[in-house]
Amino acid sequence: MVQKISPEDIDGLMAVLPQWRYQPERGGSIVRDWVFIDFNEAFGFMTRVALLAEQLNHHPEWSNVYNRVSMTLTTHDEGGLSYRDLDLAQRIDNL
């Protein structure tokens, strides 16, 4: 079972993910946007994230327009933000 993050713990935990934004909607999620040089770099990044997400069996919600990628992480089974989301965000930041 995955542990959902309580609202009172959000601020302290988000300090380790300064480029991500917390959104309380839908039980909680974290969001980040990237801008790359071109579509090829954006798609390459998305491919690396896709392989990582598949390995962890935890998949982002995302969109791509040319050189921009937007990503939302939330745990649907838990109805909001969980430690799986924070772990995936940290791993994505390390790519």
PDB file of N, CA and C in Angstrom:
ATOM      1  N   MET A   1       0.839  -1.186   0.000  1.00  0.00           N
ATOM      2  CA  MET A   1       0.000   0.000   0.000  1.00  0.00           C
ATOM      3  C   MET A   1       0.883   1.248   0.000  1.00  0.00           C
ATOM      4  N   VAL A   2       0.504   2.234  -0.756  1.00  0.00           N
ATOM      5  CA  VAL A   2       1.232   3.486  -0.877  1.00  0.00           C
ATOM      6  C   VAL A   2       0.660   4.472   0.133  1.00  0.00           C
ATOM      7  N   GLN A   3       1.528   5.221   0.781  1.00  0.00           N
ATOM      8  CA  GLN A   3       1.070   6.175   1.786  1.00  0.00           C
ATOM      9  C   GLN A   3       0.834   7.543   1.170  1.00  0.00           C
ATOM     10  N   LYS A   4      -0.399   8.019   1.339  1.00  0.00           N
ATOM     11  CA  LYS A   4      -0.747   9.361   0.886  1.00  0.00           C
ATOM     12  C   LYS A   4      -0.107  10.367   1.837  1.00  0.00           C
ATOM     13  N   ILE A   5       0.314  11.497   1.303  1.00  0.00           N
ATOM     14  CA  ILE A   5       0.969  12.529   2.101  1.00  0.00           C
ATOM     15  C   ILE A   5      -0.090  13.429   2.723  1.00  0.00           C
ATOM     16  N   SER A   6       0.037  13.652   4.006  1.00  0.00           N
ATOM     17  CA  SER A   6      -0.929  14.512   4.697  1.00  0.00           C
ATOM     18  C   SER A   6      -0.660  15.976   4.354  1.00  0.00           C
ATOM     19  N   PRO A   7      -1.705  16.792   4.340  1.00  0.00           N
ATOM     20  CA  PRO A   7      -1.540  18.215   3.989  1.00  0.00           C
ATOM     21  C   PRO A   7      -0.533  18.946   4.877  1.00  0.00           C
ATOM     22  N   GLU A   8      -0.449  18.579   6.147  1.00  0.00           N
ATOM     23  CA  GLU A   8       0.491  19.263   7.034  1.00  0.00           C
ATOM     24  C   GLU A   8       1.957  18.916   6.758  1.00  0.00           C
ATOM     25  N   ASP A   9       2.213  17.835   6.032  1.00  0.00           N
ATOM     26  CA  ASP A   9       3.585  17.438   5.701  1.00  0.00           C
ATOM     27  C   ASP A   9       4.061  17.975   4.350  1.00  0.00           C
ATOM     28  N   ILE A  10       3.158  18.534   3.568  1.00  0.00           N
ATOM     29  CA  ILE A  10       3.472  18.952   2.195  1.00  0.00           C
ATOM     30  C   ILE A  10       4.621  19.957   2.132  1.00  0.00           C
ATOM     31  N   ASP A  11       4.555  21.038   2.890  1.00  0.00           N
ATOM     32  CA  ASP A  11       5.554  22.105   2.787  1.00  0.00           C
ATOM     33  C   ASP A  11       6.964  21.601   3.051  1.00  0.00           C
ATOM     34  N   GLY A  12       7.133  20.824   4.096  1.00  0.00           N
ATOM     35  CA  GLY A  12       8.458  20.304   4.418  1.00  0.00           C
ATOM     36  C   GLY A  12       8.993  19.373   3.349  1.00  0.00           C
ATOM     37  N   LEU A  13       8.132  18.545   2.794  1.00  0.00           N
ATOM     38  CA  LEU A  13       8.558  17.599   1.767  1.00  0.00           C
ATOM     39  C   LEU A  13       8.847  18.291   0.446  1.00  0.00           C
ATOM     40  N   MET A  14       8.105  19.342   0.136  1.00  0.00           N
ATOM     41  CA  MET A  14       8.310  20.055  -1.125  1.00  0.00           C
ATOM     42  C   MET A  14       9.619  20.837  -1.133  1.00  0.00           C
ATOM     43  N   ALA A  15      10.211  21.058   0.023  1.00  0.00           N
ATOM     44  CA  ALA A  15      11.486  21.781   0.089  1.00  0.00           C
ATOM     45  C   ALA A  15      12.586  21.037  -0.670  1.00  0.00           C
ATOM     46  N   VAL A  16      12.468  19.722  -0.788  1.00  0.00           N
ATOM     47  CA  VAL A  16      13.485  18.946  -1.511  1.00  0.00           C
ATOM     48  C   VAL A  16      13.222  18.930  -3.017  1.00  0.00           C
ATOM     49  N   LEU A  17      12.087  19.501  -3.440  1.00  0.00           N
ATOM     50  CA  LEU A  17      11.730  19.564  -4.863  1.00  0.00           C
ATOM     51  C   LEU A  17      11.410  21.008  -5.245  1.00  0.00           C
ATOM     52  N   PRO A  18      12.397  21.890  -5.208  1.00  0.00           N
ATOM     53  CA  PRO A  18      12.111  23.321  -5.394  1.00  0.00           C
ATOM     54  C   PRO A  18      11.560  23.702  -6.767  1.00  0.00           C
ATOM     55  N   GLN A  19      11.755  22.873  -7.771  1.00  0.00           N
ATOM     56  CA  GLN A  19      11.275  23.224  -9.114  1.00  0.00           C
ATOM     57  C   GLN A  19       9.863  22.712  -9.390  1.00  0.00           C
ATOM     58  N   TRP A  20       9.320  21.970  -8.452  1.00  0.00           N
ATOM     59  CA  TRP A  20       7.966  21.445  -8.583  1.00  0.00           C
ATOM     60  C   TRP A  20       7.021  22.322  -7.782  1.00  0.00           C
ATOM     61  N   ARG A  21       5.766  22.408  -8.249  1.00  0.00           N
ATOM     62  CA  ARG A  21       4.733  23.185  -7.555  1.00  0.00           C
ATOM     63  C   ARG A  21       3.656  22.237  -7.045  1.00  0.00           C
ATOM     64  N   TYR A  22       3.244  22.464  -5.823  1.00  0.00           N
ATOM     65  CA  TYR A  22       2.150  21.681  -5.252  1.00  0.00           C
ATOM     66  C   TYR A  22       0.814  22.273  -5.679  1.00  0.00           C
ATOM     67  N   GLN A  23      -0.126  21.415  -6.052  1.00  0.00           N
ATOM     68  CA  GLN A  23      -1.485  21.838  -6.382  1.00  0.00           C
ATOM     69  C   GLN A  23      -2.453  20.999  -5.548  1.00  0.00           C
ATOM     70  N   PRO A  24      -3.276  21.639  -4.737  1.00  0.00           N
ATOM     71  CA  PRO A  24      -4.178  20.890  -3.856  1.00  0.00           C
ATOM     72  C   PRO A  24      -5.362  20.230  -4.563  1.00  0.00           C
ATOM     73  N   GLU A  25      -5.649  20.614  -5.792  1.00  0.00           N
ATOM     74  CA  GLU A  25      -6.791  20.051  -6.510  1.00  0.00           C
ATOM     75  C   GLU A  25      -6.644  18.531  -6.652  1.00  0.00           C
ATOM     76  N   ARG A  26      -7.768  17.859  -6.735  1.00  0.00           N
ATOM     77  CA  ARG A  26      -7.856  16.402  -6.943  1.00  0.00           C
ATOM     78  C   ARG A  26      -7.150  15.630  -5.833  1.00  0.00           C
ATOM     79  N   GLY A  27      -7.106  16.162  -4.642  1.00  0.00           N
ATOM     80  CA  GLY A  27      -6.458  15.462  -3.534  1.00  0.00           C
ATOM     81  C   GLY A  27      -4.982  15.741  -3.423  1.00  0.00           C
ATOM     82  N   GLY A  28      -4.431  16.503  -4.347  1.00  0.00           N
ATOM     83  CA  GLY A  28      -3.020  16.888  -4.310  1.00  0.00           C
ATOM     84  C   GLY A  28      -2.222  16.309  -5.451  1.00  0.00           C
ATOM     85  N   SER A  29      -1.378  17.141  -6.022  1.00  0.00           N
ATOM     86  CA  SER A  29      -0.472  16.715  -7.090  1.00  0.00           C
ATOM     87  C   SER A  29       0.711  17.676  -7.105  1.00  0.00           C
ATOM     88  N   ILE A  30       1.761  17.290  -7.816  1.00  0.00           N
ATOM     89  CA  ILE A  30       2.888  18.189  -8.041  1.00  0.00           C
ATOM     90  C   ILE A  30       3.068  18.354  -9.537  1.00  0.00           C
ATOM     91  N   VAL A  31       3.484  19.550  -9.933  1.00  0.00           N
ATOM     92  CA  VAL A  31       3.542  19.926 -11.350  1.00  0.00           C
ATOM     93  C   VAL A  31       4.890  20.576 -11.638  1.00  0.00           C
ATOM     94  N   ARG A  32       5.419  20.278 -12.816  1.00  0.00           N
ATOM     95  CA  ARG A  32       6.651  20.933 -13.253  1.00  0.00           C
ATOM     96  C   ARG A  32       6.599  21.101 -14.767  1.00  0.00           C
ATOM     97  N   ASP A  33       7.239  22.179 -15.246  1.00  0.00           N
ATOM     98  CA  ASP A  33       7.340  22.469 -16.675  1.00  0.00           C
ATOM     99  C   ASP A  33       8.809  22.552 -17.067  1.00  0.00           C
ATOM    100  N   TRP A  34       9.109  22.093 -18.275  1.00  0.00           N
ATOM    101  CA  TRP A  34      10.457  22.173 -18.831  1.00  0.00           C
ATOM    102  C   TRP A  34      10.389  22.831 -20.198  1.00  0.00           C
ATOM    103  N   VAL A  35      11.463  23.544 -20.571  1.00  0.00           N
ATOM    104  CA  VAL A  35      11.614  24.085 -21.917  1.00  0.00           C
ATOM    105  C   VAL A  35      12.971  23.604 -22.427  1.00  0.00           C
ATOM    106  N   PHE A  36      12.954  22.950 -23.574  1.00  0.00           N
ATOM    107  CA  PHE A  36      14.164  22.400 -24.175  1.00  0.00           C
ATOM    108  C   PHE A  36      14.523  23.200 -25.428  1.00  0.00           C
ATOM    109  N   ILE A  37      15.664  22.911 -25.992  1.00  0.00           N
ATOM    110  CA  ILE A  37      16.118  23.620 -27.192  1.00  0.00           C
ATOM    111  C   ILE A  37      15.187  23.366 -28.375  1.00  0.00           C
ATOM    112  N   ASP A  38      14.748  22.117 -28.523  1.00  0.00           N
ATOM    113  CA  ASP A  38      13.898  21.768 -29.655  1.00  0.00           C
ATOM    114  C   ASP A  38      13.057  20.534 -29.322  1.00  0.00           C
ATOM    115  N   PHE A  39      12.262  20.106 -30.275  1.00  0.00           N
ATOM    116  CA  PHE A  39      11.391  18.947 -30.086  1.00  0.00           C
ATOM    117  C   PHE A  39      12.192  17.683 -29.813  1.00  0.00           C
ATOM    118  N   ASN A  40      13.308  17.507 -30.494  1.00  0.00           N
ATOM    119  CA  ASN A  40      14.112  16.313 -30.324  1.00  0.00           C
ATOM    120  C   ASN A  40      14.575  16.153 -28.874  1.00  0.00           C
ATOM    121  N   GLU A  41      15.033  17.229 -28.258  1.00  0.00           N
ATOM    122  CA  GLU A  41      15.467  17.167 -26.856  1.00  0.00           C
ATOM    123  C   GLU A  41      14.288  16.900 -25.930  1.00  0.00           C
ATOM    124  N   ALA A  42      13.163  17.537 -26.198  1.00  0.00           N
ATOM    125  CA  ALA A  42      11.973  17.320 -25.378  1.00  0.00           C
ATOM    126  C   ALA A  42      11.518  15.864 -25.464  1.00  0.00           C
ATOM    127  N   PHE A  43      11.492  15.323 -26.665  1.00  0.00           N
ATOM    128  CA  PHE A  43      11.049  13.945 -26.858  1.00  0.00           C
ATOM    129  C   PHE A  43      12.040  12.962 -26.243  1.00  0.00           C
ATOM    130  N   GLY A  44      13.331  13.255 -26.342  1.00  0.00           N
ATOM    131  CA  GLY A  44      14.338  12.408 -25.710  1.00  0.00           C
ATOM    132  C   GLY A  44      14.144  12.358 -24.198  1.00  0.00           C
ATOM    133  N   PHE A  45      13.874  13.509 -23.595  1.00  0.00           N
ATOM    134  CA  PHE A  45      13.602  13.575 -22.162  1.00  0.00           C
ATOM    135  C   PHE A  45      12.365  12.744 -21.815  1.00  0.00           C
ATOM    136  N   MET A  46      11.312  12.908 -22.599  1.00  0.00           N
ATOM    137  CA  MET A  46      10.088  12.152 -22.342  1.00  0.00           C
ATOM    138  C   MET A  46      10.326  10.649 -22.467  1.00  0.00           C
ATOM    139  N   THR A  47      11.170  10.249 -23.394  1.00  0.00           N
ATOM    140  CA  THR A  47      11.488   8.833 -23.552  1.00  0.00           C
ATOM    141  C   THR A  47      12.195   8.301 -22.317  1.00  0.00           C
ATOM    142  N   ARG A  48      13.155   9.071 -21.795  1.00  0.00           N
ATOM    143  CA  ARG A  48      13.866   8.637 -20.577  1.00  0.00           C
ATOM    144  C   ARG A  48      12.904   8.546 -19.388  1.00  0.00           C
ATOM    145  N   VAL A  49      12.005   9.506 -19.276  1.00  0.00           N
ATOM    146  CA  VAL A  49      11.011   9.478 -18.195  1.00  0.00           C
ATOM    147  C   VAL A  49      10.074   8.281 -18.374  1.00  0.00           C
ATOM    148  N   ALA A  50       9.673   8.007 -19.601  1.00  0.00           N
ATOM    149  CA  ALA A  50       8.770   6.884 -19.859  1.00  0.00           C
ATOM    150  C   ALA A  50       9.404   5.560 -19.437  1.00  0.00           C
ATOM    151  N   LEU A  51      10.683   5.375 -19.737  1.00  0.00           N
ATOM    152  CA  LEU A  51      11.369   4.146 -19.340  1.00  0.00           C
ATOM    153  C   LEU A  51      11.459   4.039 -17.825  1.00  0.00           C
ATOM    154  N   LEU A  52      11.752   5.143 -17.162  1.00  0.00           N
ATOM    155  CA  LEU A  52      11.813   5.168 -15.707  1.00  0.00           C
ATOM    156  C   LEU A  52      10.434   4.890 -15.104  1.00  0.00           C
ATOM    157  N   ALA A  53       9.409   5.536 -15.612  1.00  0.00           N
ATOM    158  CA  ALA A  53       8.050   5.360 -15.098  1.00  0.00           C
ATOM    159  C   ALA A  53       7.586   3.914 -15.264  1.00  0.00           C
ATOM    160  N   GLU A  54       7.907   3.327 -16.380  1.00  0.00           N
ATOM    161  CA  GLU A  54       7.526   1.936 -16.613  1.00  0.00           C
ATOM    162  C   GLU A  54       8.236   1.018 -15.627  1.00  0.00           C
ATOM    163  N   GLN A  55       9.490   1.283 -15.383  1.00  0.00           N
ATOM    164  CA  GLN A  55      10.277   0.493 -14.423  1.00  0.00           C
ATOM    165  C   GLN A  55       9.666   0.574 -13.022  1.00  0.00           C
ATOM    166  N   LEU A  56       9.178   1.750 -12.641  1.00  0.00           N
ATOM    167  CA  LEU A  56       8.596   1.958 -11.312  1.00  0.00           C
ATOM    168  C   LEU A  56       7.087   1.674 -11.276  1.00  0.00           C
ATOM    169  N   ASN A  57       6.493   1.419 -12.443  1.00  0.00           N
ATOM    170  CA  ASN A  57       5.050   1.227 -12.565  1.00  0.00           C
ATOM    171  C   ASN A  57       4.277   2.398 -11.940  1.00  0.00           C
ATOM    172  N   HIS A  58       4.745   3.586 -12.257  1.00  0.00           N
ATOM    173  CA  HIS A  58       4.096   4.809 -11.775  1.00  0.00           C
ATOM    174  C   HIS A  58       4.252   5.850 -12.881  1.00  0.00           C
ATOM    175  N   HIS A  59       3.158   6.227 -13.509  1.00  0.00           N
ATOM    176  CA  HIS A  59       3.208   6.981 -14.755  1.00  0.00           C
ATOM    177  C   HIS A  59       2.684   8.402 -14.595  1.00  0.00           C
ATOM    178  N   PRO A  60       3.378   9.365 -15.192  1.00  0.00           N
ATOM    179  CA  PRO A  60       2.955  10.768 -15.081  1.00  0.00           C
ATOM    180  C   PRO A  60       1.800  11.099 -16.020  1.00  0.00           C
ATOM    181  N   GLU A  61       1.141  12.183 -15.702  1.00  0.00           N
ATOM    182  CA  GLU A  61       0.251  12.843 -16.652  1.00  0.00           C
ATOM    183  C   GLU A  61       1.119  13.921 -17.285  1.00  0.00           C
ATOM    184  N   TRP A  62       1.141  14.014 -18.605  1.00  0.00           N
ATOM    185  CA  TRP A  62       2.017  15.004 -19.210  1.00  0.00           C
ATOM    186  C   TRP A  62       1.503  15.462 -20.563  1.00  0.00           C
ATOM    187  N   SER A  63       2.081  16.563 -20.994  1.00  0.00           N
ATOM    188  CA  SER A  63       1.784  17.064 -22.333  1.00  0.00           C
ATOM    189  C   SER A  63       3.074  17.618 -22.924  1.00  0.00           C
ATOM    190  N   ASN A  64       3.087  17.655 -24.247  1.00  0.00           N
ATOM    191  CA  ASN A  64       4.252  18.135 -24.968  1.00  0.00           C
ATOM    192  C   ASN A  64       3.784  18.985 -26.140  1.00  0.00           C
ATOM    193  N   VAL A  65       4.338  20.186 -26.241  1.00  0.00           N
ATOM    194  CA  VAL A  65       4.129  21.045 -27.405  1.00  0.00           C
ATOM    195  C   VAL A  65       5.510  21.511 -27.837  1.00  0.00           C
ATOM    196  N   TYR A  66       5.945  21.005 -28.970  1.00  0.00           N
ATOM    197  CA  TYR A  66       7.254  21.275 -29.549  1.00  0.00           C
ATOM    198  C   TYR A  66       8.375  21.099 -28.531  1.00  0.00           C
ATOM    199  N   ASN A  67       8.882  22.175 -27.936  1.00  0.00           N
ATOM    200  CA  ASN A  67      10.038  22.050 -27.033  1.00  0.00           C
ATOM    201  C   ASN A  67       9.645  22.157 -25.559  1.00  0.00           C
ATOM    202  N   ARG A  68       8.345  22.131 -25.267  1.00  0.00           N
ATOM    203  CA  ARG A  68       7.864  22.275 -23.893  1.00  0.00           C
ATOM    204  C   ARG A  68       7.224  20.976 -23.406  1.00  0.00           C
ATOM    205  N   VAL A  69       7.537  20.621 -22.172  1.00  0.00           N
ATOM    206  CA  VAL A  69       6.936  19.455 -21.530  1.00  0.00           C
ATOM    207  C   VAL A  69       6.364  19.910 -20.197  1.00  0.00           C
ATOM    208  N   SER A  70       5.125  19.534 -19.931  1.00  0.00           N
ATOM    209  CA  SER A  70       4.484  19.783 -18.650  1.00  0.00           C
ATOM    210  C   SER A  70       4.111  18.439 -18.045  1.00  0.00           C
ATOM    211  N   MET A  71       4.356  18.286 -16.743  1.00  0.00           N
ATOM    212  CA  MET A  71       4.126  17.008 -16.101  1.00  0.00           C
ATOM    213  C   MET A  71       3.414  17.195 -14.771  1.00  0.00           C
ATOM    214  N   THR A  72       2.478  16.308 -14.498  1.00  0.00           N
ATOM    215  CA  THR A  72       1.767  16.260 -13.233  1.00  0.00           C
ATOM    216  C   THR A  72       1.941  14.873 -12.642  1.00  0.00           C
ATOM    217  N   LEU A  73       2.271  14.828 -11.359  1.00  0.00           N
ATOM    218  CA  LEU A  73       2.379  13.558 -10.655  1.00  0.00           C
ATOM    219  C   LEU A  73       1.355  13.524  -9.529  1.00  0.00           C
ATOM    220  N   THR A  74       0.598  12.458  -9.472  1.00  0.00           N
ATOM    221  CA  THR A  74      -0.368  12.193  -8.407  1.00  0.00           C
ATOM    222  C   THR A  74      -0.593  10.690  -8.391  1.00  0.00           C
ATOM    223  N   THR A  75      -1.065  10.176  -7.284  1.00  0.00           N
ATOM    224  CA  THR A  75      -1.320   8.739  -7.181  1.00  0.00           C
ATOM    225  C   THR A  75      -2.827   8.528  -7.180  1.00  0.00           C
ATOM    226  N   HIS A  76      -3.357   8.128  -8.300  1.00  0.00           N
ATOM    227  CA  HIS A  76      -4.801   7.990  -8.467  1.00  0.00           C
ATOM    228  C   HIS A  76      -5.393   6.983  -7.478  1.00  0.00           C
ATOM    229  N   ASP A  77      -4.679   5.879  -7.233  1.00  0.00           N
ATOM    230  CA  ASP A  77      -5.183   4.854  -6.318  1.00  0.00           C
ATOM    231  C   ASP A  77      -5.358   5.381  -4.896  1.00  0.00           C
ATOM    232  N   GLU A  78      -4.566   6.374  -4.532  1.00  0.00           N
ATOM    233  CA  GLU A  78      -4.644   6.949  -3.192  1.00  0.00           C
ATOM    234  C   GLU A  78      -5.463   8.234  -3.154  1.00  0.00           C
ATOM    235  N   GLY A  79      -5.873   8.708  -4.297  1.00  0.00           N
ATOM    236  CA  GLY A  79      -6.679   9.918  -4.350  1.00  0.00           C
ATOM    237  C   GLY A  79      -5.898  11.177  -4.043  1.00  0.00           C
ATOM    238  N   GLY A  80      -4.618  11.191  -4.400  1.00  0.00           N
ATOM    239  CA  GLY A  80      -3.817  12.394  -4.179  1.00  0.00           C
ATOM    240  C   GLY A  80      -2.332  12.115  -4.162  1.00  0.00           C
ATOM    241  N   LEU A  81      -1.606  13.045  -3.608  1.00  0.00           N
ATOM    242  CA  LEU A  81      -0.151  12.991  -3.590  1.00  0.00           C
ATOM    243  C   LEU A  81       0.346  11.928  -2.622  1.00  0.00           C
ATOM    244  N   SER A  82       1.313  11.119  -3.081  1.00  0.00           N
ATOM    245  CA  SER A  82       1.890  10.076  -2.227  1.00  0.00           C
ATOM    246  C   SER A  82       3.416  10.126  -2.317  1.00  0.00           C
ATOM    247  N   TYR A  83       4.041   9.321  -1.494  1.00  0.00           N
ATOM    248  CA  TYR A  83       5.497   9.254  -1.508  1.00  0.00           C
ATOM    249  C   TYR A  83       6.029   8.687  -2.823  1.00  0.00           C
ATOM    250  N   ARG A  84       5.218   7.936  -3.548  1.00  0.00           N
ATOM    251  CA  ARG A  84       5.629   7.454  -4.876  1.00  0.00           C
ATOM    252  C   ARG A  84       5.839   8.627  -5.827  1.00  0.00           C
ATOM    253  N   ASP A  85       5.002   9.651  -5.701  1.00  0.00           N
ATOM    254  CA  ASP A  85       5.134  10.834  -6.556  1.00  0.00           C
ATOM    255  C   ASP A  85       6.421  11.586  -6.260  1.00  0.00           C
ATOM    256  N   LEU A  86       6.726  11.743  -4.974  1.00  0.00           N
ATOM    257  CA  LEU A  86       7.963  12.445  -4.605  1.00  0.00           C
ATOM    258  C   LEU A  86       9.187  11.671  -5.065  1.00  0.00           C
ATOM    259  N   ASP A  87       9.147  10.350  -4.921  1.00  0.00           N
ATOM    260  CA  ASP A  87      10.267   9.513  -5.375  1.00  0.00           C
ATOM    261  C   ASP A  87      10.462   9.646  -6.879  1.00  0.00           C
ATOM    262  N   LEU A  88       9.379   9.572  -7.643  1.00  0.00           N
ATOM    263  CA  LEU A  88       9.486   9.700  -9.104  1.00  0.00           C
ATOM    264  C   LEU A  88       9.988  11.089  -9.484  1.00  0.00           C
ATOM    265  N   ALA A  89       9.487  12.123  -8.825  1.00  0.00           N
ATOM    266  CA  ALA A  89       9.940  13.491  -9.120  1.00  0.00           C
ATOM    267  C   ALA A  89      11.440  13.633  -8.886  1.00  0.00           C
ATOM    268  N   GLN A  90      11.934  13.093  -7.786  1.00  0.00           N
ATOM    269  CA  GLN A  90      13.370  13.168  -7.518  1.00  0.00           C
ATOM    270  C   GLN A  90      14.164  12.412  -8.580  1.00  0.00           C
ATOM    271  N   ARG A  91      13.689  11.276  -8.974  1.00  0.00           N
ATOM    272  CA  ARG A  91      14.385  10.495 -10.016  1.00  0.00           C
ATOM    273  C   ARG A  91      14.366  11.235 -11.359  1.00  0.00           C
ATOM    274  N   ILE A  92      13.251  11.878 -11.675  1.00  0.00           N
ATOM    275  CA  ILE A  92      13.170  12.655 -12.920  1.00  0.00           C
ATOM    276  C   ILE A  92      14.154  13.813 -12.850  1.00  0.00           C
ATOM    277  N   ASP A  93      14.220  14.490 -11.715  1.00  0.00           N
ATOM    278  CA  ASP A  93      15.162  15.594 -11.559  1.00  0.00           C
ATOM    279  C   ASP A  93      16.606  15.136 -11.734  1.00  0.00           C
ATOM    280  N   ASN A  94      16.896  13.887 -11.426  1.00  0.00           N
ATOM    281  CA  ASN A  94      18.254  13.356 -11.548  1.00  0.00           C
ATOM    282  C   ASN A  94      18.599  12.880 -12.955  1.00  0.00           C
ATOM    283  N   LEU A  95      17.612  12.850 -13.856  1.00  0.00           N
ATOM    284  CA  LEU A  95      17.895  12.369 -15.224  1.00  0.00           C
ATOM    285  C   LEU A  95      18.899  13.256 -15.911  1.00  0.00           C
TER     286      LEU A  95
END
